[in-house]
Amino acid sequence: MVLVVEDEPEIAEILEGYLRRDGYRTERAADGKAALGLYRAAKPDLVLLDIQLPELDGLEVLRRIRADGNTPVILVTARSEDLDKLLGLELGADDYVTKPFSPREVVARVKAVLRRANPLESAATVLRAGPLEIDTEWVMARVGASRLELTPTEFRLLETLARTPGRAFTRQELLEAALPDSDALERVIDVHLKNLRKKLEAAGATGLLETVRGVGYRLWVE
């Protein structure tokens, strides 16, 4: 189920219509407080979240969703400034679209984010890099006994890096691996990996995720 959080009725109706036509169930909220109530009650598979909302703005709604869990979130913004987008991504959004947009594009983004959040694997694959263990079938990552609470985009980035520990990946390579259907800028990768590094270090994996100056990032295992 997709929770559509949009205070403009016409836009919300169009989005719901396109999503339902593609087989998704939808719920709708027109303000931030109602969105949080529906999020907790309906437990959606994904939240399509406008930034400019009455009661609570979208970034505050996102902050509270992330405090509660890792449900995929796509931000919708009427402003084109990178600051809004990057702030939303730093809070844990998985992607963003900018108004005006094509409803078909939004549905494609929804499909892509849900596909990344729920990858289909024919057999279990467990990746290990030092203290890190990643189960790609169950979409779980651990550092020792500590489970990492990752967004779908963070998980995909970590999985990509862990498949070849020691290799330096460019930002473009990581962008194509984690956000293949997005028009996000390369610097968005920096925001996601900043968040990922914080989570790894909080679990005790200090120094595992390295920045390679002039190239990008790698997992470094002694």
C-alpha atoms as a PDB file:
ATOM      1  CA  MET A   1       0.000   0.000   0.000  1.00  0.00           C
ATOM      2  CA  VAL A   2       1.200   3.509  -0.869  1.00  0.00           C
ATOM      3  CA  LEU A   3       0.386   6.420   1.434  1.00  0.00           C
ATOM      4  CA  VAL A   4      -0.020   9.593  -0.638  1.00  0.00           C
ATOM      5  CA  VAL A   5       0.560  12.705   1.469  1.00  0.00           C
ATOM      6  CA  GLU A   6      -0.501  15.732  -0.588  1.00  0.00           C
ATOM      7  CA  ASP A   7      -2.561  18.797   0.365  1.00  0.00           C
ATOM      8  CA  GLU A   8      -3.621  19.633  -3.203  1.00  0.00           C
ATOM      9  CA  PRO A   9      -6.688  17.423  -3.888  1.00  0.00           C
ATOM     10  CA  GLU A  10      -6.333  17.409  -7.667  1.00  0.00           C
ATOM     11  CA  ILE A  11      -2.697  16.263  -7.548  1.00  0.00           C
ATOM     12  CA  ALA A  12      -3.502  13.639  -4.908  1.00  0.00           C
ATOM     13  CA  GLU A  13      -6.378  12.251  -6.995  1.00  0.00           C
ATOM     14  CA  ILE A  14      -4.189  12.013 -10.096  1.00  0.00           C
ATOM     15  CA  LEU A  15      -1.418  10.228  -8.212  1.00  0.00           C
ATOM     16  CA  GLU A  16      -3.843   7.807  -6.587  1.00  0.00           C
ATOM     17  CA  GLY A  17      -5.485   7.115  -9.949  1.00  0.00           C
ATOM     18  CA  TYR A  18      -2.205   6.232 -11.640  1.00  0.00           C
ATOM     19  CA  LEU A  19      -1.004   4.135  -8.695  1.00  0.00           C
ATOM     20  CA  ARG A  20      -4.285   2.189  -8.502  1.00  0.00           C
ATOM     21  CA  ARG A  21      -4.233   1.602 -12.247  1.00  0.00           C
ATOM     22  CA  ASP A  22      -0.871  -0.124 -11.716  1.00  0.00           C
ATOM     23  CA  GLY A  23      -2.315  -2.318  -8.987  1.00  0.00           C
ATOM     24  CA  TYR A  24      -1.309  -0.426  -5.830  1.00  0.00           C
ATOM     25  CA  ARG A  25      -3.678   0.156  -2.954  1.00  0.00           C
ATOM     26  CA  THR A  26      -3.543   3.735  -1.689  1.00  0.00           C
ATOM     27  CA  GLU A  27      -4.447   5.851   1.299  1.00  0.00           C
ATOM     28  CA  ARG A  28      -4.398   9.647   1.319  1.00  0.00           C
ATOM     29  CA  ALA A  29      -3.561  12.313   3.896  1.00  0.00           C
ATOM     30  CA  ALA A  30      -3.792  16.067   3.324  1.00  0.00           C
ATOM     31  CA  ASP A  31      -1.653  17.295   6.225  1.00  0.00           C
ATOM     32  CA  GLY A  32       1.310  16.195   8.306  1.00  0.00           C
ATOM     33  CA  LYS A  33      -0.580  15.139  11.414  1.00  0.00           C
ATOM     34  CA  ALA A  34      -3.058  13.036   9.454  1.00  0.00           C
ATOM     35  CA  ALA A  35      -0.146  11.491   7.552  1.00  0.00           C
ATOM     36  CA  LEU A  36       1.537  10.300  10.748  1.00  0.00           C
ATOM     37  CA  GLY A  37      -1.727   8.863  12.034  1.00  0.00           C
ATOM     38  CA  LEU A  38      -2.308   6.920   8.805  1.00  0.00           C
ATOM     39  CA  TYR A  39       1.321   5.820   8.666  1.00  0.00           C
ATOM     40  CA  ARG A  40       1.063   4.265  12.132  1.00  0.00           C
ATOM     41  CA  ALA A  41      -2.357   2.727  11.519  1.00  0.00           C
ATOM     42  CA  ALA A  42      -2.004   1.456   7.945  1.00  0.00           C
ATOM     43  CA  LYS A  43       1.731   0.556   7.928  1.00  0.00           C
ATOM     44  CA  PRO A  44       2.220   1.425   4.230  1.00  0.00           C
ATOM     45  CA  ASP A  45       4.845  -0.169   2.006  1.00  0.00           C
ATOM     46  CA  LEU A  46       5.916   3.290   0.808  1.00  0.00           C
ATOM     47  CA  VAL A  47       5.124   6.938   1.579  1.00  0.00           C
ATOM     48  CA  LEU A  48       4.878   9.507  -1.214  1.00  0.00           C
ATOM     49  CA  LEU A  49       5.408  12.666   0.813  1.00  0.00           C
ATOM     50  CA  ASP A  50       4.969  16.294  -0.205  1.00  0.00           C
ATOM     51  CA  ILE A  51       7.334  18.664   1.608  1.00  0.00           C
ATOM     52  CA  GLN A  52       5.004  21.665   1.872  1.00  0.00           C
ATOM     53  CA  LEU A  53       2.127  20.546   4.109  1.00  0.00           C
ATOM     54  CA  PRO A  54      -0.135  22.175   6.695  1.00  0.00           C
ATOM     55  CA  GLU A  55       0.080  21.208  10.393  1.00  0.00           C
ATOM     56  CA  LEU A  56       3.500  19.510  10.076  1.00  0.00           C
ATOM     57  CA  ASP A  57       5.733  19.965   7.041  1.00  0.00           C
ATOM     58  CA  GLY A  58       6.966  16.979   5.096  1.00  0.00           C
ATOM     59  CA  LEU A  59      10.503  17.084   6.463  1.00  0.00           C
ATOM     60  CA  GLU A  60       9.209  16.854  10.033  1.00  0.00           C
ATOM     61  CA  VAL A  61       6.921  13.992   9.011  1.00  0.00           C
ATOM     62  CA  LEU A  62       9.929  12.259   7.437  1.00  0.00           C
ATOM     63  CA  ARG A  63      11.988  12.823  10.586  1.00  0.00           C
ATOM     64  CA  ARG A  64       9.299  11.128  12.707  1.00  0.00           C
ATOM     65  CA  ILE A  65       8.881   8.253  10.236  1.00  0.00           C
ATOM     66  CA  ARG A  66      12.620   7.627  10.355  1.00  0.00           C
ATOM     67  CA  ALA A  67      12.568   7.690  14.150  1.00  0.00           C
ATOM     68  CA  ASP A  68      10.002   4.886  13.944  1.00  0.00           C
ATOM     69  CA  GLY A  69      11.401   2.708  11.157  1.00  0.00           C
ATOM     70  CA  ASN A  70      12.725   2.376   7.614  1.00  0.00           C
ATOM     71  CA  THR A  71       9.606   2.487   5.447  1.00  0.00           C
ATOM     72  CA  PRO A  72      10.648   3.763   1.982  1.00  0.00           C
ATOM     73  CA  VAL A  73       9.862   7.465   1.454  1.00  0.00           C
ATOM     74  CA  ILE A  74       9.852   9.473  -1.781  1.00  0.00           C
ATOM     75  CA  LEU A  75       9.762  13.241  -1.273  1.00  0.00           C
ATOM     76  CA  VAL A  76       7.726  15.511  -3.539  1.00  0.00           C
ATOM     77  CA  THR A  77       8.827  19.139  -3.658  1.00  0.00           C
ATOM     78  CA  ALA A  78       7.581  22.198  -5.517  1.00  0.00           C
ATOM     79  CA  ARG A  79      10.948  23.858  -5.028  1.00  0.00           C
ATOM     80  CA  SER A  80      13.902  23.043  -7.243  1.00  0.00           C
ATOM     81  CA  GLU A  81      16.634  24.121  -4.823  1.00  0.00           C
ATOM     82  CA  ASP A  82      19.100  21.328  -4.043  1.00  0.00           C
ATOM     83  CA  LEU A  83      19.028  22.295  -0.343  1.00  0.00           C
ATOM     84  CA  ASP A  84      15.499  20.955   0.132  1.00  0.00           C
ATOM     85  CA  LYS A  85      16.323  17.723  -1.650  1.00  0.00           C
ATOM     86  CA  LEU A  86      19.591  17.115   0.139  1.00  0.00           C
ATOM     87  CA  LEU A  87      18.089  17.944   3.536  1.00  0.00           C
ATOM     88  CA  GLY A  88      15.336  15.422   2.889  1.00  0.00           C
ATOM     89  CA  LEU A  89      17.841  12.791   1.814  1.00  0.00           C
ATOM     90  CA  GLU A  90      19.987  13.457   4.881  1.00  0.00           C
ATOM     91  CA  LEU A  91      16.914  12.726   7.000  1.00  0.00           C
ATOM     92  CA  GLY A  92      16.577   9.373   5.243  1.00  0.00           C
ATOM     93  CA  ALA A  93      14.418   9.837   2.131  1.00  0.00           C
ATOM     94  CA  ASP A  94      15.009   7.244  -0.579  1.00  0.00           C
ATOM     95  CA  ASP A  95      14.336   9.457  -3.591  1.00  0.00           C
ATOM     96  CA  TYR A  96      12.624  12.682  -4.632  1.00  0.00           C
ATOM     97  CA  VAL A  97      10.565  14.127  -7.484  1.00  0.00           C
ATOM     98  CA  THR A  98      10.114  17.806  -8.285  1.00  0.00           C
ATOM     99  CA  LYS A  99       6.836  19.438  -9.322  1.00  0.00           C
ATOM    100  CA  PRO A 100       5.659  19.694 -12.018  1.00  0.00           C
ATOM    101  CA  PHE A 101       6.074  15.987 -12.680  1.00  0.00           C
ATOM    102  CA  SER A 102       4.661  13.284 -14.883  1.00  0.00           C
ATOM    103  CA  PRO A 103       2.405  10.892 -12.898  1.00  0.00           C
ATOM    104  CA  ARG A 104       3.937   8.044 -14.897  1.00  0.00           C
ATOM    105  CA  GLU A 105       7.383   9.116 -13.712  1.00  0.00           C
ATOM    106  CA  VAL A 106       6.200   9.070 -10.099  1.00  0.00           C
ATOM    107  CA  VAL A 107       4.769   5.556 -10.512  1.00  0.00           C
ATOM    108  CA  ALA A 108       8.074   4.441 -12.065  1.00  0.00           C
ATOM    109  CA  ARG A 109       9.957   5.851  -9.066  1.00  0.00           C
ATOM    110  CA  VAL A 110       7.571   4.064  -6.679  1.00  0.00           C
ATOM    111  CA  LYS A 111       8.188   0.766  -8.487  1.00  0.00           C
ATOM    112  CA  ALA A 112      11.951   1.292  -8.460  1.00  0.00           C
ATOM    113  CA  VAL A 113      12.147   2.108  -4.746  1.00  0.00           C
ATOM    114  CA  LEU A 114       9.899  -0.811  -3.804  1.00  0.00           C
ATOM    115  CA  ARG A 115      11.973  -3.108  -6.013  1.00  0.00           C
ATOM    116  CA  ARG A 116      15.121  -2.020  -4.189  1.00  0.00           C
ATOM    117  CA  ALA A 117      13.384  -2.440  -0.836  1.00  0.00           C
ATOM    118  CA  ASN A 118      12.155  -5.954  -1.682  1.00  0.00           C
ATOM    119  CA  PRO A 119      14.677  -7.620  -3.995  1.00  0.00           C
ATOM    120  CA  LEU A 120      13.779 -11.053  -5.311  1.00  0.00           C
ATOM    121  CA  GLU A 121      16.568 -13.562  -4.798  1.00  0.00           C
ATOM    122  CA  SER A 122      16.457 -17.162  -5.964  1.00  0.00           C
ATOM    123  CA  ALA A 123      18.748 -18.249  -3.122  1.00  0.00           C
ATOM    124  CA  ALA A 124      20.146 -16.738   0.008  1.00  0.00           C
ATOM    125  CA  THR A 125      23.318 -14.709  -0.450  1.00  0.00           C
ATOM    126  CA  VAL A 126      25.352 -13.675   2.553  1.00  0.00           C
ATOM    127  CA  LEU A 127      28.147 -11.170   2.056  1.00  0.00           C
ATOM    128  CA  ARG A 128      30.869 -10.626   4.649  1.00  0.00           C
ATOM    129  CA  ALA A 129      33.415  -7.846   4.970  1.00  0.00           C
ATOM    130  CA  GLY A 130      35.295  -7.765   8.249  1.00  0.00           C
ATOM    131  CA  PRO A 131      32.729  -7.441  11.058  1.00  0.00           C
ATOM    132  CA  LEU A 132      29.955  -6.732   8.533  1.00  0.00           C
ATOM    133  CA  GLU A 133      27.471  -9.395   7.423  1.00  0.00           C
ATOM    134  CA  ILE A 134      24.787  -8.743   4.788  1.00  0.00           C
ATOM    135  CA  ASP A 135      21.933 -11.107   3.982  1.00  0.00           C
ATOM    136  CA  THR A 136      20.564 -10.047   0.589  1.00  0.00           C
ATOM    137  CA  GLU A 137      17.577 -12.406   0.698  1.00  0.00           C
ATOM    138  CA  TRP A 138      16.270 -11.090   4.013  1.00  0.00           C
ATOM    139  CA  VAL A 139      17.578  -7.566   3.372  1.00  0.00           C
ATOM    140  CA  MET A 140      19.411  -7.414   6.685  1.00  0.00           C
ATOM    141  CA  ALA A 141      22.841  -6.175   7.683  1.00  0.00           C
ATOM    142  CA  ARG A 142      24.703  -6.689  10.947  1.00  0.00           C
ATOM    143  CA  VAL A 143      27.932  -5.606  12.554  1.00  0.00           C
ATOM    144  CA  GLY A 144      28.657  -8.440  14.953  1.00  0.00           C
ATOM    145  CA  ALA A 145      25.449  -8.921  16.928  1.00  0.00           C
ATOM    146  CA  SER A 146      24.160  -5.411  16.154  1.00  0.00           C
ATOM    147  CA  ARG A 147      21.552  -5.175  13.419  1.00  0.00           C
ATOM    148  CA  LEU A 148      21.799  -2.067  11.234  1.00  0.00           C
ATOM    149  CA  GLU A 149      18.570  -0.172  10.628  1.00  0.00           C
ATOM    150  CA  LEU A 150      19.057   0.900   7.019  1.00  0.00           C
ATOM    151  CA  THR A 151      16.866   2.555   4.430  1.00  0.00           C
ATOM    152  CA  PRO A 152      16.508   0.636   1.134  1.00  0.00           C
ATOM    153  CA  THR A 153      18.960   2.998  -0.572  1.00  0.00           C
ATOM    154  CA  GLU A 154      21.524   2.655   2.221  1.00  0.00           C
ATOM    155  CA  PHE A 155      21.203  -1.131   2.065  1.00  0.00           C
ATOM    156  CA  ARG A 156      21.741  -1.189  -1.693  1.00  0.00           C
ATOM    157  CA  LEU A 157      24.820   1.016  -1.369  1.00  0.00           C
ATOM    158  CA  LEU A 158      26.277  -1.150   1.383  1.00  0.00           C
ATOM    159  CA  GLU A 159      25.553  -4.331  -0.590  1.00  0.00           C
ATOM    160  CA  THR A 160      27.271  -2.897  -3.674  1.00  0.00           C
ATOM    161  CA  LEU A 161      30.384  -1.945  -1.712  1.00  0.00           C
ATOM    162  CA  ALA A 162      30.470  -5.263   0.165  1.00  0.00           C
ATOM    163  CA  ARG A 163      30.433  -7.371  -2.998  1.00  0.00           C
ATOM    164  CA  THR A 164      34.020  -6.271  -3.719  1.00  0.00           C
ATOM    165  CA  PRO A 165      35.646  -5.030  -0.497  1.00  0.00           C
ATOM    166  CA  GLY A 166      38.670  -2.859  -1.130  1.00  0.00           C
ATOM    167  CA  ARG A 167      37.528  -1.685  -4.544  1.00  0.00           C
ATOM    168  CA  ALA A 168      37.028   2.076  -4.882  1.00  0.00           C
ATOM    169  CA  PHE A 169      33.654   2.875  -6.457  1.00  0.00           C
ATOM    170  CA  THR A 170      32.983   6.199  -8.141  1.00  0.00           C
ATOM    171  CA  ARG A 171      29.934   8.200  -7.112  1.00  0.00           C
ATOM    172  CA  GLN A 172      28.419   7.567 -10.543  1.00  0.00           C
ATOM    173  CA  GLU A 173      28.831   3.802 -10.160  1.00  0.00           C
ATOM    174  CA  LEU A 174      27.163   3.904  -6.753  1.00  0.00           C
ATOM    175  CA  LEU A 175      24.384   6.133  -8.066  1.00  0.00           C
ATOM    176  CA  GLU A 176      23.657   3.692 -10.890  1.00  0.00           C
ATOM    177  CA  ALA A 177      23.686   0.742  -8.464  1.00  0.00           C
ATOM    178  CA  ALA A 178      21.500   2.277  -5.764  1.00  0.00           C
ATOM    179  CA  LEU A 179      19.284   4.765  -7.638  1.00  0.00           C
ATOM    180  CA  PRO A 180      19.200   3.542 -11.245  1.00  0.00           C
ATOM    181  CA  ASP A 181      15.833   5.121 -12.084  1.00  0.00           C
ATOM    182  CA  SER A 182      16.463   8.444 -10.363  1.00  0.00           C
ATOM    183  CA  ASP A 183      17.686  11.734 -11.806  1.00  0.00           C
ATOM    184  CA  ALA A 184      19.488  12.496  -8.536  1.00  0.00           C
ATOM    185  CA  LEU A 185      22.837  14.253  -8.651  1.00  0.00           C
ATOM    186  CA  GLU A 186      26.070  12.453  -7.751  1.00  0.00           C
ATOM    187  CA  ARG A 187      26.396  14.471  -4.530  1.00  0.00           C
ATOM    188  CA  VAL A 188      23.256  12.726  -3.242  1.00  0.00           C
ATOM    189  CA  ILE A 189      25.493   9.663  -2.794  1.00  0.00           C
ATOM    190  CA  ASP A 190      27.614  11.669  -0.337  1.00  0.00           C
ATOM    191  CA  VAL A 191      24.526  12.319   1.806  1.00  0.00           C
ATOM    192  CA  HIS A 192      23.443   8.657   1.863  1.00  0.00           C
ATOM    193  CA  LEU A 193      26.969   7.461   2.651  1.00  0.00           C
ATOM    194  CA  LYS A 194      27.356  10.052   5.401  1.00  0.00           C
ATOM    195  CA  ASN A 195      24.267   8.556   7.037  1.00  0.00           C
ATOM    196  CA  LEU A 196      25.518   5.022   6.391  1.00  0.00           C
ATOM    197  CA  ARG A 197      28.912   5.778   7.936  1.00  0.00           C
ATOM    198  CA  LYS A 198      27.230   7.115  11.092  1.00  0.00           C
ATOM    199  CA  LYS A 199      25.228   3.900  11.449  1.00  0.00           C
ATOM    200  CA  LEU A 200      28.277   1.691  10.887  1.00  0.00           C
ATOM    201  CA  GLU A 201      30.333   3.639  13.420  1.00  0.00           C
ATOM    202  CA  ALA A 202      27.500   3.569  15.969  1.00  0.00           C
ATOM    203  CA  ALA A 203      27.550  -0.245  15.645  1.00  0.00           C
ATOM    204  CA  GLY A 204      31.298  -0.329  16.203  1.00  0.00           C
ATOM    205  CA  ALA A 205      32.527  -0.556  12.593  1.00  0.00           C
ATOM    206  CA  THR A 206      34.735   2.534  12.689  1.00  0.00           C
ATOM    207  CA  GLY A 207      36.874   3.012   9.591  1.00  0.00           C
ATOM    208  CA  LEU A 208      35.049   0.365   7.531  1.00  0.00           C
ATOM    209  CA  LEU A 209      33.609   2.868   5.042  1.00  0.00           C
ATOM    210  CA  GLU A 210      36.384   4.952   3.517  1.00  0.00           C
ATOM    211  CA  THR A 211      36.295   8.041   1.312  1.00  0.00           C
ATOM    212  CA  VAL A 212      38.769   7.714  -1.552  1.00  0.00           C
ATOM    213  CA  ARG A 213      39.784  11.235  -2.490  1.00  0.00           C
ATOM    214  CA  GLY A 214      39.206  12.046  -6.136  1.00  0.00           C
ATOM    215  CA  VAL A 215      37.381   8.753  -6.736  1.00  0.00           C
ATOM    216  CA  GLY A 216      34.543   7.889  -4.370  1.00  0.00           C
ATOM    217  CA  TYR A 217      34.129   5.271  -1.642  1.00  0.00           C
ATOM    218  CA  ARG A 218      35.116   1.749  -0.647  1.00  0.00           C
ATOM    219  CA  LEU A 219      34.796  -0.753   2.184  1.00  0.00           C
ATOM    220  CA  TRP A 220      38.239  -1.281   3.651  1.00  0.00           C
ATOM    221  CA  VAL A 221      38.916  -4.494   5.537  1.00  0.00           C
ATOM    222  CA  GLU A 222      42.322  -5.080   7.112  1.00  0.00           C
END
